[in-house]
C-alpha cells in the first residue's frame, strides 16, 4: 500500500480507532491512507484509540493528528473539521467508519436502541458530510467513502433489523450525495464489507455464538472463500476509491465480501 497514490491529499477518518487489539476497518484505513501519501486526521470517540492510530502513523514517518470527538454531535464534528483545516489546510478525503450493531428483530429491539443505531450509523454521516462538503466544494474536489455493510442489502443470518435498516440508509444517502455533487468534482462511494475478522466482532457480534471459537469458525464458513476478510481488505478498497485512479467511479456500492452478495444461500 506504499507509494504516491495520495500524495498531497488530506484524509479525515471518523472512527479511526479500534475497540480492541488488532486492526479494525477505520484504523487500517487511516494507516493505509498515510502509507499511500496522505496526511491523516484520526478522529474517534475514544481519545486514546485515536492517539494510538496517530502514533502508529507517526512512527512510520507519515503525518497525522488525533482528535477526540462524538460524531453524533455537530459541534464535535465541526471542531474536528476545523482541526483538520488548521493543521493541513484542506480535506480531500472524508472516510466515515463509525457504526454500531444491535441484536434483535422489530419485536425484540427497543425504541431507544433503534434510535441510537440510526443516530450513530446514519446521522453521524449526515453531520460529517454537512461539515466537510462546503470545504470540498470550495476546493472543487473531494472523495467521500462511507462504510456500509452487506447486511444493508441482504440477509446475512443475523437478526439485527436496526443495523440492517441503518446500513441500507447509508447506501441511499451516499448515492444522493454522489449525484448532487458529481458536477462539482466530488465523488461519494460506499464500501460494503461482508464477514470480517476485526476487533469489532468480538465486542458486538460474539453474543450470537457459544464462544469466540465457534463464532470465528461459523463466520469463516459463511464466506465463499472459506475465510473472513479483515480490516486491510476494506482499507485497500478505500485507498483505491479515494485515489485519482477511481476518478470516474461515483455512487457505487463496492462489496468487499469474498462474493457473499452473489450467493443465493
C-alpha atoms as a PDB file:
ATOM      1  CA  UNK A   1       0.000   0.000   0.000  1.00  0.00           C
ATOM      2  CA  UNK A   2       3.042   2.260  -0.070  1.00  0.00           C
ATOM      3  CA  UNK A   3       3.509   4.788  -2.853  1.00  0.00           C
ATOM      4  CA  UNK A   4       2.444   8.220  -4.039  1.00  0.00           C
ATOM      5  CA  UNK A   5      -1.200   7.485  -4.889  1.00  0.00           C
ATOM      6  CA  UNK A   6      -2.480  10.020  -2.366  1.00  0.00           C
ATOM      7  CA  UNK A   7       0.467  12.408  -2.156  1.00  0.00           C
ATOM      8  CA  UNK A   8      -0.618  15.928  -1.253  1.00  0.00           C
ATOM      9  CA  UNK A   9      -4.052  14.806  -0.074  1.00  0.00           C
ATOM     10  CA  UNK A  10      -5.558  15.104   3.391  1.00  0.00           C
ATOM     11  CA  UNK A  11      -7.813  12.379   4.773  1.00  0.00           C
ATOM     12  CA  UNK A  12     -10.097  12.756   7.774  1.00  0.00           C
ATOM     13  CA  UNK A  13     -11.162   9.390   9.159  1.00  0.00           C
ATOM     14  CA  UNK A  14     -14.091   9.300  11.563  1.00  0.00           C
ATOM     15  CA  UNK A  15     -13.930   6.110  13.598  1.00  0.00           C
ATOM     16  CA  UNK A  16     -10.159   5.789  13.192  1.00  0.00           C
ATOM     17  CA  UNK A  17      -9.599   3.987  16.471  1.00  0.00           C
ATOM     18  CA  UNK A  18     -10.106   0.352  17.354  1.00  0.00           C
ATOM     19  CA  UNK A  19     -12.244  -1.043  20.168  1.00  0.00           C
ATOM     20  CA  UNK A  20      -9.712  -3.805  20.825  1.00  0.00           C
ATOM     21  CA  UNK A  21      -6.311  -5.161  19.927  1.00  0.00           C
ATOM     22  CA  UNK A  22      -5.663  -5.512  16.224  1.00  0.00           C
ATOM     23  CA  UNK A  23      -6.761  -3.670  13.115  1.00  0.00           C
ATOM     24  CA  UNK A  24     -10.323  -2.539  12.729  1.00  0.00           C
ATOM     25  CA  UNK A  25     -11.610  -1.124   9.438  1.00  0.00           C
ATOM     26  CA  UNK A  26     -11.127   2.509  10.429  1.00  0.00           C
ATOM     27  CA  UNK A  27      -7.705   2.077  11.989  1.00  0.00           C
ATOM     28  CA  UNK A  28      -6.449   0.151   8.966  1.00  0.00           C
ATOM     29  CA  UNK A  29      -7.905   2.734   6.586  1.00  0.00           C
ATOM     30  CA  UNK A  30      -6.197   5.594   8.422  1.00  0.00           C
ATOM     31  CA  UNK A  31      -2.850   3.816   8.263  1.00  0.00           C
ATOM     32  CA  UNK A  32      -3.381   2.849   4.623  1.00  0.00           C
ATOM     33  CA  UNK A  33      -4.168   6.422   3.616  1.00  0.00           C
ATOM     34  CA  UNK A  34      -0.962   7.563   5.320  1.00  0.00           C
ATOM     35  CA  UNK A  35       1.116   4.849   3.653  1.00  0.00           C
ATOM     36  CA  UNK A  36      -0.299   5.980   0.310  1.00  0.00           C
ATOM     37  CA  UNK A  37       0.970   9.507   0.960  1.00  0.00           C
ATOM     38  CA  UNK A  38      -1.938  11.293   2.619  1.00  0.00           C
ATOM     39  CA  UNK A  39      -1.801  13.363   5.768  1.00  0.00           C
ATOM     40  CA  UNK A  40      -4.338  11.931   8.176  1.00  0.00           C
ATOM     41  CA  UNK A  41      -6.723  13.277  10.783  1.00  0.00           C
ATOM     42  CA  UNK A  42      -7.652  10.334  13.019  1.00  0.00           C
ATOM     43  CA  UNK A  43     -10.954  11.018  14.792  1.00  0.00           C
ATOM     44  CA  UNK A  44     -12.527   8.744  17.366  1.00  0.00           C
ATOM     45  CA  UNK A  45     -14.876   8.961  20.334  1.00  0.00           C
ATOM     46  CA  UNK A  46     -12.117   7.346  22.390  1.00  0.00           C
ATOM     47  CA  UNK A  47      -9.190   9.768  22.608  1.00  0.00           C
ATOM     48  CA  UNK A  48      -6.682   7.028  23.432  1.00  0.00           C
ATOM     49  CA  UNK A  49      -7.785   4.995  20.402  1.00  0.00           C
ATOM     50  CA  UNK A  50      -7.405   7.984  18.079  1.00  0.00           C
ATOM     51  CA  UNK A  51      -3.984   8.731  19.534  1.00  0.00           C
ATOM     52  CA  UNK A  52      -2.877   5.117  19.135  1.00  0.00           C
ATOM     53  CA  UNK A  53      -3.700   5.254  15.426  1.00  0.00           C
ATOM     54  CA  UNK A  54      -1.939   8.599  15.095  1.00  0.00           C
ATOM     55  CA  UNK A  55       1.146   7.255  16.864  1.00  0.00           C
ATOM     56  CA  UNK A  56       1.386   4.288  14.501  1.00  0.00           C
ATOM     57  CA  UNK A  57       1.236   6.634  11.524  1.00  0.00           C
ATOM     58  CA  UNK A  58       3.855   8.958  13.007  1.00  0.00           C
ATOM     59  CA  UNK A  59       6.116   6.012  13.854  1.00  0.00           C
ATOM     60  CA  UNK A  60       6.102   5.069  10.174  1.00  0.00           C
ATOM     61  CA  UNK A  61       7.282   8.538   9.184  1.00  0.00           C
ATOM     62  CA  UNK A  62       3.968   9.951   7.991  1.00  0.00           C
ATOM     63  CA  UNK A  63       1.918  12.951   9.132  1.00  0.00           C
ATOM     64  CA  UNK A  64      -1.152  12.697  11.349  1.00  0.00           C
ATOM     65  CA  UNK A  65      -3.067  14.332  14.163  1.00  0.00           C
ATOM     66  CA  UNK A  66      -5.621  12.845  16.540  1.00  0.00           C
ATOM     67  CA  UNK A  67      -8.959  14.328  17.557  1.00  0.00           C
ATOM     68  CA  UNK A  68     -11.418  13.036  20.144  1.00  0.00           C
ATOM     69  CA  UNK A  69     -14.988  13.678  19.008  1.00  0.00           C
ATOM     70  CA  UNK A  70     -18.526  12.364  19.132  1.00  0.00           C
ATOM     71  CA  UNK A  71     -19.743  12.108  15.539  1.00  0.00           C
ATOM     72  CA  UNK A  72     -23.370  12.390  16.642  1.00  0.00           C
ATOM     73  CA  UNK A  73     -22.621  15.971  17.755  1.00  0.00           C
ATOM     74  CA  UNK A  74     -22.438  18.613  15.036  1.00  0.00           C
ATOM     75  CA  UNK A  75     -20.287  20.796  17.275  1.00  0.00           C
ATOM     76  CA  UNK A  76     -17.771  17.972  17.727  1.00  0.00           C
ATOM     77  CA  UNK A  77     -17.748  17.202  14.014  1.00  0.00           C
ATOM     78  CA  UNK A  78     -17.213  20.857  13.124  1.00  0.00           C
ATOM     79  CA  UNK A  79     -14.389  21.053  15.649  1.00  0.00           C
ATOM     80  CA  UNK A  80     -12.750  18.026  14.018  1.00  0.00           C
ATOM     81  CA  UNK A  81     -13.052  19.561  10.566  1.00  0.00           C
ATOM     82  CA  UNK A  82     -11.570  22.822  11.813  1.00  0.00           C
ATOM     83  CA  UNK A  83      -8.675  20.898  13.388  1.00  0.00           C
ATOM     84  CA  UNK A  84      -8.008  19.274  10.026  1.00  0.00           C
ATOM     85  CA  UNK A  85      -8.188  22.581   8.189  1.00  0.00           C
ATOM     86  CA  UNK A  86      -5.950  24.302  10.723  1.00  0.00           C
ATOM     87  CA  UNK A  87      -3.348  21.539  10.618  1.00  0.00           C
ATOM     88  CA  UNK A  88      -3.314  20.752   6.909  1.00  0.00           C
ATOM     89  CA  UNK A  89      -5.292  23.452   5.095  1.00  0.00           C
ATOM     90  CA  UNK A  90      -7.785  21.229   3.319  1.00  0.00           C
ATOM     91  CA  UNK A  91      -9.730  17.955   3.319  1.00  0.00           C
ATOM     92  CA  UNK A  92      -9.594  15.788   0.218  1.00  0.00           C
ATOM     93  CA  UNK A  93     -10.904  12.518   1.640  1.00  0.00           C
ATOM     94  CA  UNK A  94     -13.765  12.010   4.084  1.00  0.00           C
ATOM     95  CA  UNK A  95     -13.910   8.470   5.445  1.00  0.00           C
ATOM     96  CA  UNK A  96     -16.932   7.542   7.569  1.00  0.00           C
ATOM     97  CA  UNK A  97     -16.351   4.371   9.566  1.00  0.00           C
ATOM     98  CA  UNK A  98     -18.426   4.981  12.704  1.00  0.00           C
ATOM     99  CA  UNK A  99     -21.066   2.332  13.337  1.00  0.00           C
ATOM    100  CA  UNK A 100     -22.628   0.055  15.929  1.00  0.00           C
ATOM    101  CA  UNK A 101     -24.717  -3.108  15.745  1.00  0.00           C
ATOM    102  CA  UNK A 102     -27.694  -4.280  17.769  1.00  0.00           C
ATOM    103  CA  UNK A 103     -29.230  -7.709  18.143  1.00  0.00           C
ATOM    104  CA  UNK A 104     -32.906  -8.371  17.617  1.00  0.00           C
ATOM    105  CA  UNK A 105     -35.784  -8.044  15.196  1.00  0.00           C
ATOM    106  CA  UNK A 106     -38.575  -5.452  15.395  1.00  0.00           C
ATOM    107  CA  UNK A 107     -40.263  -7.129  18.365  1.00  0.00           C
ATOM    108  CA  UNK A 108     -37.113  -7.553  20.450  1.00  0.00           C
ATOM    109  CA  UNK A 109     -35.482  -4.210  19.608  1.00  0.00           C
ATOM    110  CA  UNK A 110     -36.276  -1.371  21.981  1.00  0.00           C
ATOM    111  CA  UNK A 111     -37.243   2.022  20.629  1.00  0.00           C
ATOM    112  CA  UNK A 112     -34.231   3.558  22.358  1.00  0.00           C
ATOM    113  CA  UNK A 113     -31.902   1.030  20.697  1.00  0.00           C
ATOM    114  CA  UNK A 114     -33.432   1.697  17.278  1.00  0.00           C
ATOM    115  CA  UNK A 115     -32.950   5.440  17.713  1.00  0.00           C
ATOM    116  CA  UNK A 116     -29.381   5.009  18.940  1.00  0.00           C
ATOM    117  CA  UNK A 117     -28.383   2.825  15.978  1.00  0.00           C
ATOM    118  CA  UNK A 118     -29.902   5.271  13.492  1.00  0.00           C
ATOM    119  CA  UNK A 119     -28.199   8.190  15.187  1.00  0.00           C
ATOM    120  CA  UNK A 120     -24.751   6.622  15.292  1.00  0.00           C
ATOM    121  CA  UNK A 121     -24.838   4.874  11.924  1.00  0.00           C
ATOM    122  CA  UNK A 122     -26.705   7.371   9.753  1.00  0.00           C
ATOM    123  CA  UNK A 123     -26.908  10.772  11.424  1.00  0.00           C
ATOM    124  CA  UNK A 124     -23.143  10.753  12.029  1.00  0.00           C
ATOM    125  CA  UNK A 125     -22.514  10.505   8.271  1.00  0.00           C
ATOM    126  CA  UNK A 126     -25.033  13.247   7.621  1.00  0.00           C
ATOM    127  CA  UNK A 127     -23.219  15.506  10.087  1.00  0.00           C
ATOM    128  CA  UNK A 128     -19.728  14.815   8.757  1.00  0.00           C
ATOM    129  CA  UNK A 129     -20.865  15.443   5.183  1.00  0.00           C
ATOM    130  CA  UNK A 130     -22.683  18.575   6.297  1.00  0.00           C
ATOM    131  CA  UNK A 131     -19.433  19.898   7.751  1.00  0.00           C
ATOM    132  CA  UNK A 132     -16.982  18.722   5.076  1.00  0.00           C
ATOM    133  CA  UNK A 133     -18.873  19.232   1.815  1.00  0.00           C
ATOM    134  CA  UNK A 134     -18.663  23.057   1.838  1.00  0.00           C
ATOM    135  CA  UNK A 135     -14.879  22.815   2.104  1.00  0.00           C
ATOM    136  CA  UNK A 136     -14.677  20.248  -0.677  1.00  0.00           C
ATOM    137  CA  UNK A 137     -16.951  22.408  -2.817  1.00  0.00           C
ATOM    138  CA  UNK A 138     -14.634  25.373  -2.320  1.00  0.00           C
ATOM    139  CA  UNK A 139     -11.707  23.187  -3.345  1.00  0.00           C
ATOM    140  CA  UNK A 140     -13.572  21.851  -6.365  1.00  0.00           C
ATOM    141  CA  UNK A 141     -12.653  18.292  -5.468  1.00  0.00           C
ATOM    142  CA  UNK A 142     -13.113  15.597  -2.864  1.00  0.00           C
ATOM    143  CA  UNK A 143     -13.806  11.928  -2.268  1.00  0.00           C
ATOM    144  CA  UNK A 144     -16.192  10.531   0.330  1.00  0.00           C
ATOM    145  CA  UNK A 145     -16.012   6.892   1.389  1.00  0.00           C
ATOM    146  CA  UNK A 146     -18.841   5.641   3.580  1.00  0.00           C
ATOM    147  CA  UNK A 147     -18.630   2.229   5.214  1.00  0.00           C
ATOM    148  CA  UNK A 148     -21.892   0.379   4.830  1.00  0.00           C
ATOM    149  CA  UNK A 149     -22.425  -3.360   5.219  1.00  0.00           C
ATOM    150  CA  UNK A 150     -23.534  -6.383   3.254  1.00  0.00           C
ATOM    151  CA  UNK A 151     -26.342  -6.602   5.816  1.00  0.00           C
ATOM    152  CA  UNK A 152     -27.728  -3.362   4.379  1.00  0.00           C
ATOM    153  CA  UNK A 153     -28.737  -5.073   1.147  1.00  0.00           C
ATOM    154  CA  UNK A 154     -29.376  -8.724   2.058  1.00  0.00           C
ATOM    155  CA  UNK A 155     -29.975 -11.101   4.944  1.00  0.00           C
ATOM    156  CA  UNK A 156     -26.683 -12.361   6.381  1.00  0.00           C
ATOM    157  CA  UNK A 157     -28.012 -14.658   9.090  1.00  0.00           C
ATOM    158  CA  UNK A 158     -28.082 -12.128  11.908  1.00  0.00           C
ATOM    159  CA  UNK A 159     -31.326 -10.752  13.314  1.00  0.00           C
ATOM    160  CA  UNK A 160     -30.402  -7.108  13.687  1.00  0.00           C
ATOM    161  CA  UNK A 161     -33.097  -5.124  11.967  1.00  0.00           C
ATOM    162  CA  UNK A 162     -31.978  -1.685  13.170  1.00  0.00           C
ATOM    163  CA  UNK A 163     -28.433  -2.210  11.927  1.00  0.00           C
ATOM    164  CA  UNK A 164     -29.633  -3.524   8.561  1.00  0.00           C
ATOM    165  CA  UNK A 165     -32.027  -0.609   8.113  1.00  0.00           C
ATOM    166  CA  UNK A 166     -29.342   1.905   9.034  1.00  0.00           C
ATOM    167  CA  UNK A 167     -26.847   0.470   6.567  1.00  0.00           C
ATOM    168  CA  UNK A 168     -29.484   0.454   3.843  1.00  0.00           C
ATOM    169  CA  UNK A 169     -29.972   4.148   4.556  1.00  0.00           C
ATOM    170  CA  UNK A 170     -26.221   4.719   4.196  1.00  0.00           C
ATOM    171  CA  UNK A 171     -26.387   3.370   0.643  1.00  0.00           C
ATOM    172  CA  UNK A 172     -29.176   5.742  -0.368  1.00  0.00           C
ATOM    173  CA  UNK A 173     -27.540   8.669   1.409  1.00  0.00           C
ATOM    174  CA  UNK A 174     -24.257   8.024  -0.409  1.00  0.00           C
ATOM    175  CA  UNK A 175     -25.925   7.874  -3.821  1.00  0.00           C
ATOM    176  CA  UNK A 176     -27.777  11.108  -3.136  1.00  0.00           C
ATOM    177  CA  UNK A 177     -24.544  12.927  -2.378  1.00  0.00           C
ATOM    178  CA  UNK A 178     -22.776  11.328  -5.336  1.00  0.00           C
ATOM    179  CA  UNK A 179     -25.340  12.636  -7.805  1.00  0.00           C
ATOM    180  CA  UNK A 180     -25.837  16.050  -6.248  1.00  0.00           C
ATOM    181  CA  UNK A 181     -22.129  16.844  -6.149  1.00  0.00           C
ATOM    182  CA  UNK A 182     -20.837  14.956  -9.198  1.00  0.00           C
ATOM    183  CA  UNK A 183     -20.613  18.144 -11.252  1.00  0.00           C
ATOM    184  CA  UNK A 184     -18.562  19.817  -8.542  1.00  0.00           C
ATOM    185  CA  UNK A 185     -15.650  17.414  -8.609  1.00  0.00           C
ATOM    186  CA  UNK A 186     -16.806  15.491  -5.549  1.00  0.00           C
ATOM    187  CA  UNK A 187     -17.348  11.734  -5.550  1.00  0.00           C
ATOM    188  CA  UNK A 188     -19.108   9.584  -2.949  1.00  0.00           C
ATOM    189  CA  UNK A 189     -18.912   5.800  -2.782  1.00  0.00           C
ATOM    190  CA  UNK A 190     -19.858   3.140  -0.288  1.00  0.00           C
ATOM    191  CA  UNK A 191     -17.903   0.051   0.776  1.00  0.00           C
ATOM    192  CA  UNK A 192     -19.990  -2.916   1.897  1.00  0.00           C
ATOM    193  CA  UNK A 193     -17.899  -5.362   3.950  1.00  0.00           C
ATOM    194  CA  UNK A 194     -19.109  -8.901   4.461  1.00  0.00           C
ATOM    195  CA  UNK A 195     -17.947 -11.112   7.318  1.00  0.00           C
ATOM    196  CA  UNK A 196     -14.756  -9.510   8.621  1.00  0.00           C
ATOM    197  CA  UNK A 197     -12.325 -10.578  11.326  1.00  0.00           C
ATOM    198  CA  UNK A 198     -11.854  -7.336  13.238  1.00  0.00           C
ATOM    199  CA  UNK A 199     -11.872  -6.385  16.945  1.00  0.00           C
ATOM    200  CA  UNK A 200     -15.456  -5.223  16.445  1.00  0.00           C
ATOM    201  CA  UNK A 201     -16.911  -8.725  16.121  1.00  0.00           C
ATOM    202  CA  UNK A 202     -15.517  -9.850  19.474  1.00  0.00           C
ATOM    203  CA  UNK A 203     -17.311  -6.964  21.181  1.00  0.00           C
ATOM    204  CA  UNK A 204     -20.586  -6.662  19.291  1.00  0.00           C
ATOM    205  CA  UNK A 205     -21.318  -9.951  17.481  1.00  0.00           C
ATOM    206  CA  UNK A 206     -19.957 -12.649  19.768  1.00  0.00           C
ATOM    207  CA  UNK A 207     -23.249 -12.803  21.671  1.00  0.00           C
ATOM    208  CA  UNK A 208     -24.790 -14.719  18.794  1.00  0.00           C
ATOM    209  CA  UNK A 209     -22.437 -17.673  19.460  1.00  0.00           C
ATOM    210  CA  UNK A 210     -21.465 -20.078  22.216  1.00  0.00           C
ATOM    211  CA  UNK A 211     -17.934 -18.687  22.332  1.00  0.00           C
ATOM    212  CA  UNK A 212     -15.384 -16.849  20.175  1.00  0.00           C
ATOM    213  CA  UNK A 213     -14.001 -20.015  18.616  1.00  0.00           C
ATOM    214  CA  UNK A 214     -17.467 -21.002  17.473  1.00  0.00           C
ATOM    215  CA  UNK A 215     -18.044 -17.519  16.103  1.00  0.00           C
ATOM    216  CA  UNK A 216     -14.820 -17.487  14.100  1.00  0.00           C
ATOM    217  CA  UNK A 217     -15.429 -20.958  12.662  1.00  0.00           C
ATOM    218  CA  UNK A 218     -19.000 -20.134  11.669  1.00  0.00           C
ATOM    219  CA  UNK A 219     -18.075 -16.826  10.072  1.00  0.00           C
ATOM    220  CA  UNK A 220     -15.238 -18.378   8.072  1.00  0.00           C
ATOM    221  CA  UNK A 221     -17.750 -20.895   6.757  1.00  0.00           C
ATOM    222  CA  UNK A 222     -20.157 -18.124   5.721  1.00  0.00           C
ATOM    223  CA  UNK A 223     -17.706 -16.755   3.161  1.00  0.00           C
ATOM    224  CA  UNK A 224     -17.426 -18.382  -0.282  1.00  0.00           C
ATOM    225  CA  UNK A 225     -13.652 -18.051   0.116  1.00  0.00           C
ATOM    226  CA  UNK A 226     -13.697 -20.102   3.312  1.00  0.00           C
ATOM    227  CA  UNK A 227     -12.331 -17.256   5.395  1.00  0.00           C
ATOM    228  CA  UNK A 228     -13.364 -13.899   6.721  1.00  0.00           C
ATOM    229  CA  UNK A 229     -11.836 -10.725   5.384  1.00  0.00           C
ATOM    230  CA  UNK A 230     -10.054  -8.218   7.586  1.00  0.00           C
ATOM    231  CA  UNK A 231      -9.630  -4.503   8.091  1.00  0.00           C
ATOM    232  CA  UNK A 232      -6.942  -4.285   5.438  1.00  0.00           C
ATOM    233  CA  UNK A 233      -9.287  -5.611   2.768  1.00  0.00           C
ATOM    234  CA  UNK A 234     -11.553  -2.646   3.451  1.00  0.00           C
ATOM    235  CA  UNK A 235      -8.594  -0.266   3.719  1.00  0.00           C
ATOM    236  CA  UNK A 236      -7.146  -1.253   0.333  1.00  0.00           C
ATOM    237  CA  UNK A 237     -10.536  -0.674  -1.302  1.00  0.00           C
ATOM    238  CA  UNK A 238     -10.838   2.706   0.419  1.00  0.00           C
ATOM    239  CA  UNK A 239      -7.439   3.885  -0.814  1.00  0.00           C
ATOM    240  CA  UNK A 240      -8.396   2.970  -4.367  1.00  0.00           C
ATOM    241  CA  UNK A 241     -11.741   4.779  -4.165  1.00  0.00           C
ATOM    242  CA  UNK A 242     -10.050   7.848  -2.692  1.00  0.00           C
ATOM    243  CA  UNK A 243      -7.358   7.945  -5.371  1.00  0.00           C
ATOM    244  CA  UNK A 244      -7.442   9.615  -8.771  1.00  0.00           C
ATOM    245  CA  UNK A 245      -7.378   6.130 -10.284  1.00  0.00           C
ATOM    246  CA  UNK A 246     -11.059   5.984  -9.300  1.00  0.00           C
ATOM    247  CA  UNK A 247     -11.889   9.442 -10.676  1.00  0.00           C
ATOM    248  CA  UNK A 248     -14.777   8.085 -12.773  1.00  0.00           C
ATOM    249  CA  UNK A 249     -16.204   5.835 -10.061  1.00  0.00           C
ATOM    250  CA  UNK A 250     -19.077   7.527  -8.293  1.00  0.00           C
ATOM    251  CA  UNK A 251     -22.171   6.388  -6.418  1.00  0.00           C
ATOM    252  CA  UNK A 252     -21.171   2.726  -6.279  1.00  0.00           C
ATOM    253  CA  UNK A 253     -21.693   0.096  -3.613  1.00  0.00           C
ATOM    254  CA  UNK A 254     -18.429  -1.825  -3.588  1.00  0.00           C
ATOM    255  CA  UNK A 255     -18.783  -5.252  -1.989  1.00  0.00           C
ATOM    256  CA  UNK A 256     -15.733  -6.388  -0.056  1.00  0.00           C
ATOM    257  CA  UNK A 257     -17.184  -9.716   0.991  1.00  0.00           C
ATOM    258  CA  UNK A 258     -15.485 -12.618  -0.774  1.00  0.00           C
ATOM    259  CA  UNK A 259     -18.512 -12.976  -3.043  1.00  0.00           C
ATOM    260  CA  UNK A 260     -21.192 -13.367  -0.348  1.00  0.00           C
ATOM    261  CA  UNK A 261     -23.505 -10.893  -2.082  1.00  0.00           C
ATOM    262  CA  UNK A 262     -23.664 -13.125  -5.166  1.00  0.00           C
ATOM    263  CA  UNK A 263     -24.552 -16.309  -3.302  1.00  0.00           C
ATOM    264  CA  UNK A 264     -28.172 -17.416  -3.012  1.00  0.00           C
ATOM    265  CA  UNK A 265     -27.881 -19.401   0.233  1.00  0.00           C
END
